[in-house]
PDB file of N, CA and C in Angstrom:
ATOM      1  N   MET A   1     -36.191   9.307  32.387  1.00  0.00           N
ATOM      2  CA  MET A   1     -34.862   8.006  32.077  1.00  0.00           C
ATOM      3  C   MET A   1     -35.040   8.340  30.634  1.00  0.00           C
ATOM      4  N   LYS A   2     -35.434   8.756  29.825  1.00  0.00           N
ATOM      5  CA  LYS A   2     -35.079   9.718  28.463  1.00  0.00           C
ATOM      6  C   LYS A   2     -33.959  10.464  28.393  1.00  0.00           C
ATOM      7  N   LYS A   3     -33.827  11.449  29.570  1.00  0.00           N
ATOM      8  CA  LYS A   3     -32.856  12.270  29.525  1.00  0.00           C
ATOM      9  C   LYS A   3     -31.406  11.758  29.903  1.00  0.00           C
ATOM     10  N   ARG A   4     -31.611  10.869  31.184  1.00  0.00           N
ATOM     11  CA  ARG A   4     -30.140  10.144  31.201  1.00  0.00           C
ATOM     12  C   ARG A   4     -29.650   9.336  30.030  1.00  0.00           C
ATOM     13  N   LEU A   5     -30.449   8.468  29.207  1.00  0.00           N
ATOM     14  CA  LEU A   5     -29.946   7.783  28.172  1.00  0.00           C
ATOM     15  C   LEU A   5     -29.265   8.907  27.023  1.00  0.00           C
ATOM     16  N   THR A   6     -30.282  10.031  26.708  1.00  0.00           N
ATOM     17  CA  THR A   6     -29.740  10.852  25.738  1.00  0.00           C
ATOM     18  C   THR A   6     -28.199  11.279  26.220  1.00  0.00           C
ATOM     19  N   LEU A   7     -28.211  11.669  27.685  1.00  0.00           N
ATOM     20  CA  LEU A   7     -26.560  12.221  28.425  1.00  0.00           C
ATOM     21  C   LEU A   7     -26.098  11.340  28.128  1.00  0.00           C
ATOM     22  N   ALA A   8     -25.930   9.898  28.732  1.00  0.00           N
ATOM     23  CA  ALA A   8     -25.184   8.690  28.473  1.00  0.00           C
ATOM     24  C   ALA A   8     -24.701   8.916  26.893  1.00  0.00           C
ATOM     25  N   LEU A   9     -25.371   8.629  26.037  1.00  0.00           N
ATOM     26  CA  LEU A   9     -25.029   8.725  24.689  1.00  0.00           C
ATOM     27  C   LEU A   9     -24.379   9.732  23.835  1.00  0.00           C
ATOM     28  N   ILE A  10     -24.455  10.940  24.483  1.00  0.00           N
ATOM     29  CA  ILE A  10     -23.939  12.030  24.110  1.00  0.00           C
ATOM     30  C   ILE A  10     -22.486  11.933  24.882  1.00  0.00           C
ATOM     31  N   ALA A  11     -22.352  11.752  26.267  1.00  0.00           N
ATOM     32  CA  ALA A  11     -21.211  11.382  26.817  1.00  0.00           C
ATOM     33  C   ALA A  11     -20.110  10.451  26.190  1.00  0.00           C
ATOM     34  N   LEU A  12     -20.923   9.305  25.651  1.00  0.00           N
ATOM     35  CA  LEU A  12     -20.160   8.173  24.838  1.00  0.00           C
ATOM     36  C   LEU A  12     -19.744   8.589  23.597  1.00  0.00           C
ATOM     37  N   SER A  13     -20.328   9.430  22.868  1.00  0.00           N
ATOM     38  CA  SER A  13     -20.136   9.445  21.903  1.00  0.00           C
ATOM     39  C   SER A  13     -18.602  11.039  21.871  1.00  0.00           C
ATOM     40  N   ALA A  14     -18.947  11.379  22.733  1.00  0.00           N
ATOM     41  CA  ALA A  14     -17.514  12.862  22.912  1.00  0.00           C
ATOM     42  C   ALA A  14     -16.517  11.685  23.561  1.00  0.00           C
ATOM     43  N   LEU A  15     -16.623  10.811  23.994  1.00  0.00           N
ATOM     44  CA  LEU A  15     -15.509   9.656  24.802  1.00  0.00           C
ATOM     45  C   LEU A  15     -14.877   9.542  23.167  1.00  0.00           C
ATOM     46  N   THR A  16     -15.674   8.409  22.649  1.00  0.00           N
ATOM     47  CA  THR A  16     -15.069   7.712  21.345  1.00  0.00           C
ATOM     48  C   THR A  16     -14.574   8.943  20.623  1.00  0.00           C
ATOM     49  N   LEU A  17     -14.705  10.280  20.364  1.00  0.00           N
ATOM     50  CA  LEU A  17     -14.286  11.010  19.318  1.00  0.00           C
ATOM     51  C   LEU A  17     -12.956  11.572  19.819  1.00  0.00           C
ATOM     52  N   SER A  18     -13.157  11.644  21.389  1.00  0.00           N
ATOM     53  CA  SER A  18     -11.755  11.899  22.109  1.00  0.00           C
ATOM     54  C   SER A  18     -10.703  11.380  21.963  1.00  0.00           C
ATOM     55  N   ALA A  19     -10.821   9.965  21.855  1.00  0.00           N
ATOM     56  CA  ALA A  19      -9.875   8.942  21.735  1.00  0.00           C
ATOM     57  C   ALA A  19      -9.524   8.497  20.240  1.00  0.00           C
ATOM     58  N   CYS A  20      -9.789   9.047  19.470  1.00  0.00           N
ATOM     59  CA  CYS A  20      -9.481   8.902  18.098  1.00  0.00           C
ATOM     60  C   CYS A  20      -7.654   9.567  18.055  1.00  0.00           C
ATOM     61  N   GLY A  21      -7.651  10.437  18.625  1.00  0.00           N
ATOM     62  CA  GLY A  21      -6.284  10.959  18.337  1.00  0.00           C
ATOM     63  C   GLY A  21      -5.383  10.636  19.507  1.00  0.00           C
ATOM     64  N   LEU A  22      -5.809   9.979  20.483  1.00  0.00           N
ATOM     65  CA  LEU A  22      -4.629   9.761  21.681  1.00  0.00           C
ATOM     66  C   LEU A  22      -3.483   8.480  20.835  1.00  0.00           C
ATOM     67  N   ARG A  23      -3.008   8.077  19.726  1.00  0.00           N
ATOM     68  CA  ARG A  23      -2.223   7.639  19.244  1.00  0.00           C
ATOM     69  C   ARG A  23      -1.484   8.334  18.670  1.00  0.00           C
ATOM     70  N   GLY A  24      -1.806   9.804  18.321  1.00  0.00           N
ATOM     71  CA  GLY A  24      -1.150  10.523  17.432  1.00  0.00           C
ATOM     72  C   GLY A  24      -0.840  10.210  15.977  1.00  0.00           C
ATOM     73  N   ASP A  25      -0.068  11.025  15.378  1.00  0.00           N
ATOM     74  CA  ASP A  25      -0.327  10.799  13.677  1.00  0.00           C
ATOM     75  C   ASP A  25       0.395   9.676  13.553  1.00  0.00           C
ATOM     76  N   LEU A  26      -0.348   8.975  12.558  1.00  0.00           N
ATOM     77  CA  LEU A  26       0.001   7.477  12.225  1.00  0.00           C
ATOM     78  C   LEU A  26       0.654   7.924  10.963  1.00  0.00           C
ATOM     79  N   ASP A  27       2.426   6.950  10.950  1.00  0.00           N
ATOM     80  CA  ASP A  27       3.108   6.574   9.844  1.00  0.00           C
ATOM     81  C   ASP A  27       2.533   5.858   8.882  1.00  0.00           C
ATOM     82  N   ARG A  28       2.261   6.434   7.550  1.00  0.00           N
ATOM     83  CA  ARG A  28       1.833   5.401   6.605  1.00  0.00           C
ATOM     84  C   ARG A  28       3.000   4.640   5.819  1.00  0.00           C
ATOM     85  N   PRO A  29       2.807   3.530   5.929  1.00  0.00           N
ATOM     86  CA  PRO A  29       4.088   2.870   5.277  1.00  0.00           C
ATOM     87  C   PRO A  29       4.169   3.110   3.650  1.00  0.00           C
ATOM     88  N   PRO A  30       5.241   2.979   3.075  1.00  0.00           N
ATOM     89  CA  PRO A  30       5.280   3.171   1.419  1.00  0.00           C
ATOM     90  C   PRO A  30       4.771   2.292   1.034  1.00  0.00           C
ATOM     91  N   PRO A  31       4.364   2.830  -0.422  1.00  0.00           N
ATOM     92  CA  PRO A  31       3.423   1.565  -1.260  1.00  0.00           C
ATOM     93  C   PRO A  31       4.085   0.325  -1.619  1.00  0.00           C
ATOM     94  N   ALA A  32       3.577  -0.856  -1.293  1.00  0.00           N
ATOM     95  CA  ALA A  32       4.251  -1.976  -1.736  1.00  0.00           C
ATOM     96  C   ALA A  32       5.098  -2.076  -3.059  1.00  0.00           C
ATOM     97  N   TRP A  33       4.840  -1.099  -4.048  1.00  0.00           N
ATOM     98  CA  TRP A  33       4.989  -1.292  -5.559  1.00  0.00           C
ATOM     99  C   TRP A  33       6.601  -0.608  -5.497  1.00  0.00           C
ATOM    100  N   PHE A  34       6.842   0.518  -4.607  1.00  0.00           N
ATOM    101  CA  PHE A  34       7.902   1.399  -4.623  1.00  0.00           C
ATOM    102  C   PHE A  34       9.092   0.760  -3.784  1.00  0.00           C
ATOM    103  N   ASN A  35      10.627   0.532  -4.995  1.00  0.00           N
ATOM    104  CA  ASN A  35      11.355   0.034  -4.182  1.00  0.00           C
ATOM    105  C   ASN A  35      12.347   1.042  -3.583  1.00  0.00           C
ATOM    106  N   LEU A  36      12.492   1.172  -2.419  1.00  0.00           N
ATOM    107  CA  LEU A  36      13.354   2.157  -1.646  1.00  0.00           C
ATOM    108  C   LEU A  36      14.873   1.879  -2.041  1.00  0.00           C
ATOM    109  N   ALA A  37      15.216   1.278  -2.420  1.00  0.00           N
ATOM    110  CA  ALA A  37      16.588   0.676  -2.643  1.00  0.00           C
ATOM    111  C   ALA A  37      17.511   1.266  -3.712  1.00  0.00           C
ATOM    112  N   GLY A  38      16.411   1.350  -4.805  1.00  0.00           N
ATOM    113  CA  GLY A  38      16.467   1.610  -6.317  1.00  0.00           C
ATOM    114  C   GLY A  38      15.983   3.005  -6.334  1.00  0.00           C
ATOM    115  N   GLU A  39      15.058   3.262  -5.505  1.00  0.00           N
ATOM    116  CA  GLU A  39      14.203   4.644  -5.795  1.00  0.00           C
ATOM    117  C   GLU A  39      13.589   4.819  -7.078  1.00  0.00           C
ATOM    118  N   THR A  40      13.134   3.420  -7.440  1.00  0.00           N
ATOM    119  CA  THR A  40      12.019   3.494  -8.645  1.00  0.00           C
ATOM    120  C   THR A  40      10.899   2.645  -8.475  1.00  0.00           C
ATOM    121  N   ALA A  41      10.056   3.042  -9.325  1.00  0.00           N
ATOM    122  CA  ALA A  41       8.632   2.390  -9.276  1.00  0.00           C
ATOM    123  C   ALA A  41       8.717   1.322 -10.004  1.00  0.00           C
ATOM    124  N   VAL A  42       8.273   0.283  -9.424  1.00  0.00           N
ATOM    125  CA  VAL A  42       7.959  -0.943 -10.382  1.00  0.00           C
ATOM    126  C   VAL A  42       6.411  -0.948 -11.495  1.00  0.00           C
ATOM    127  N   THR A  43       6.682  -0.976 -12.129  1.00  0.00           N
ATOM    128  CA  THR A  43       5.705  -1.220 -13.425  1.00  0.00           C
ATOM    129  C   THR A  43       4.968  -2.288 -13.518  1.00  0.00           C
ATOM    130  N   LEU A  44       3.999  -2.396 -13.737  1.00  0.00           N
ATOM    131  CA  LEU A  44       3.418  -3.680 -14.003  1.00  0.00           C
ATOM    132  C   LEU A  44       3.039  -3.755 -15.427  1.00  0.00           C
TER     133      LEU A  44
END
């Protein structure tokens, strides 16, 4: 019983880790304080 539980936990961990890259590289949005039209940073 303990061996099955360990095997199931290892399989679940491997599945979880392998699912992390399914969406590919994520595009990060530009920072909210950066103005794309004027290409200048807004100072606070």
